[in-house]
C-alpha atoms as a PDB file:
ATOM      1  CA  MET A   1      13.993  -8.076 -13.994  1.00  0.00           C
ATOM      2  CA  GLU A   2      12.402  -5.251 -15.912  1.00  0.00           C
ATOM      3  CA  ASN A   3      12.860  -1.683 -14.745  1.00  0.00           C
ATOM      4  CA  THR A   4       9.838   0.582 -15.261  1.00  0.00           C
ATOM      5  CA  LEU A   5       9.722   4.271 -16.103  1.00  0.00           C
ATOM      6  CA  LYS A   6       5.963   4.917 -16.043  1.00  0.00           C
ATOM      7  CA  LYS A   7       3.089   5.089 -13.595  1.00  0.00           C
ATOM      8  CA  LEU A   8       1.885   1.550 -13.049  1.00  0.00           C
ATOM      9  CA  THR A   9      -1.556   0.045 -12.491  1.00  0.00           C
ATOM     10  CA  ILE A  10      -2.375  -2.808 -10.125  1.00  0.00           C
ATOM     11  CA  ASN A  11      -2.567  -5.153 -13.131  1.00  0.00           C
ATOM     12  CA  ASP A  12       1.050  -4.349 -14.031  1.00  0.00           C
ATOM     13  CA  LEU A  13       2.436  -5.459 -10.655  1.00  0.00           C
ATOM     14  CA  LYS A  14       4.106  -8.786  -9.901  1.00  0.00           C
ATOM     15  CA  ILE A  15       6.057  -9.988  -6.869  1.00  0.00           C
ATOM     16  CA  GLY A  16       9.770  -9.725  -7.682  1.00  0.00           C
ATOM     17  CA  MET A  17       9.262  -6.939 -10.217  1.00  0.00           C
ATOM     18  CA  GLN A  18      11.739  -4.065 -10.001  1.00  0.00           C
ATOM     19  CA  ILE A  19      10.768  -0.404 -10.107  1.00  0.00           C
ATOM     20  CA  SER A  20      12.926   2.697  -9.989  1.00  0.00           C
ATOM     21  CA  SER A  21      10.813   4.734  -7.565  1.00  0.00           C
ATOM     22  CA  LYS A  22       7.769   4.439  -5.317  1.00  0.00           C
ATOM     23  CA  ASP A  23       6.364   7.302  -7.414  1.00  0.00           C
ATOM     24  CA  ASP A  24       5.753   4.675 -10.132  1.00  0.00           C
ATOM     25  CA  LEU A  25       2.980   3.403  -7.814  1.00  0.00           C
ATOM     26  CA  SER A  26       1.178   6.717  -7.294  1.00  0.00           C
ATOM     27  CA  ASN A  27      -1.836   5.684  -9.420  1.00  0.00           C
ATOM     28  CA  ILE A  28      -2.560   2.587  -7.296  1.00  0.00           C
ATOM     29  CA  TYR A  29      -4.998   3.064  -4.417  1.00  0.00           C
ATOM     30  CA  ASP A  30      -6.153   1.043  -1.402  1.00  0.00           C
ATOM     31  CA  THR A  31      -3.514  -1.664  -1.836  1.00  0.00           C
ATOM     32  CA  TRP A  32      -0.472  -2.292   0.332  1.00  0.00           C
ATOM     33  CA  ILE A  33       2.761  -2.695  -1.593  1.00  0.00           C
ATOM     34  CA  ILE A  34       5.976  -3.487   0.262  1.00  0.00           C
ATOM     35  CA  LEU A  35       9.192  -2.598  -1.545  1.00  0.00           C
ATOM     36  CA  TYR A  36      12.677  -3.897  -0.733  1.00  0.00           C
ATOM     37  CA  LYS A  37      16.055  -2.578  -1.820  1.00  0.00           C
ATOM     38  CA  SER A  38      19.469  -4.013  -1.087  1.00  0.00           C
ATOM     39  CA  PRO A  39      22.183  -1.499  -0.167  1.00  0.00           C
ATOM     40  CA  GLU A  40      23.953  -2.042  -3.485  1.00  0.00           C
ATOM     41  CA  SER A  41      20.846  -1.742  -5.697  1.00  0.00           C
ATOM     42  CA  LYS A  42      19.411   1.353  -7.400  1.00  0.00           C
ATOM     43  CA  ASN A  43      15.965  -0.207  -7.862  1.00  0.00           C
ATOM     44  CA  TRP A  44      13.202  -1.332  -5.514  1.00  0.00           C
ATOM     45  CA  THR A  45      11.813  -4.879  -5.693  1.00  0.00           C
ATOM     46  CA  ILE A  46       8.134  -5.568  -5.012  1.00  0.00           C
ATOM     47  CA  GLY A  47       7.907  -8.092  -2.184  1.00  0.00           C
ATOM     48  CA  PHE A  48       4.247  -7.888  -1.184  1.00  0.00           C
ATOM     49  CA  ILE A  49       0.963  -6.817  -2.788  1.00  0.00           C
ATOM     50  CA  GLY A  50      -2.270  -7.019  -0.830  1.00  0.00           C
ATOM     51  CA  GLU A  51      -5.232  -5.306   0.767  1.00  0.00           C
ATOM     52  CA  ASP A  52      -4.222  -5.944   4.380  1.00  0.00           C
ATOM     53  CA  ILE A  53      -1.031  -6.485   6.289  1.00  0.00           C
ATOM     54  CA  ASP A  54      -1.743  -8.642   9.309  1.00  0.00           C
ATOM     55  CA  GLU A  55      -0.046 -11.267  11.461  1.00  0.00           C
ATOM     56  CA  GLN A  56       0.086 -13.689   8.536  1.00  0.00           C
ATOM     57  CA  ASN A  57       2.061 -11.150   6.539  1.00  0.00           C
ATOM     58  CA  ASP A  58       4.664 -10.341   9.182  1.00  0.00           C
ATOM     59  CA  GLU A  59       7.265 -11.759   6.798  1.00  0.00           C
ATOM     60  CA  ALA A  60       6.700  -8.672   4.639  1.00  0.00           C
ATOM     61  CA  TYR A  61       8.506  -6.584   7.269  1.00  0.00           C
ATOM     62  CA  ARG A  62      11.518  -8.817   7.880  1.00  0.00           C
ATOM     63  CA  ASN A  63      14.307  -6.845   6.266  1.00  0.00           C
ATOM     64  CA  ASN A  64      17.304  -9.218   6.250  1.00  0.00           C
ATOM     65  CA  GLY A  65      19.565  -6.218   5.611  1.00  0.00           C
ATOM     66  CA  TYR A  66      17.326  -4.617   2.983  1.00  0.00           C
ATOM     67  CA  ASP A  67      15.706  -1.189   3.077  1.00  0.00           C
ATOM     68  CA  ILE A  68      11.918  -1.535   3.343  1.00  0.00           C
ATOM     69  CA  CYS A  69       9.384   0.928   1.986  1.00  0.00           C
ATOM     70  CA  PRO A  70       5.678   0.279   2.601  1.00  0.00           C
ATOM     71  CA  VAL A  71       3.435   2.082   0.087  1.00  0.00           C
ATOM     72  CA  PHE A  72      -0.283   2.723   0.554  1.00  0.00           C
ATOM     73  CA  ASN A  73      -2.162   5.396  -1.374  1.00  0.00           C
ATOM     74  CA  ASP A  74      -5.554   5.954   0.254  1.00  0.00           C
ATOM     75  CA  SER A  75      -8.365   6.698  -2.212  1.00  0.00           C
ATOM     76  CA  THR A  76     -10.106   8.864   0.393  1.00  0.00           C
ATOM     77  CA  ASP A  77      -7.319  11.392  -0.138  1.00  0.00           C
ATOM     78  CA  LEU A  78      -8.738  11.947  -3.624  1.00  0.00           C
ATOM     79  CA  GLU A  79     -12.042  13.116  -2.174  1.00  0.00           C
ATOM     80  CA  GLY A  80     -10.481  16.460  -1.315  1.00  0.00           C
ATOM     81  CA  ASN A  81     -10.617  17.283  -5.015  1.00  0.00           C
ATOM     82  CA  ILE A  82     -14.379  16.723  -5.283  1.00  0.00           C
ATOM     83  CA  CYS A  83     -16.659  19.759  -5.182  1.00  0.00           C
ATOM     84  CA  ASP A  84     -20.289  19.419  -4.101  1.00  0.00           C
ATOM     85  CA  GLU A  85     -22.701  21.828  -5.735  1.00  0.00           C
ATOM     86  CA  GLU A  86     -25.348  23.254  -3.461  1.00  0.00           C
END
């Protein structure tokens, strides 16, 4: 699998893709991404991409011995940088 060194977009992502850090996903908003990493691996593997995690996606949290890192960047956090002129 390919290891990435840049900030990714949602169009770049694929299940099973490896990334070096969750920081690679910092430009992706309002999408859940679940990352997995085995104890002997340096990279994270993308295991889930979606808008909602619900009962149907419970499999996304089964770790089977892997570290799990859910990532969700909320676009409303960006609104703090917007200035309204009065």
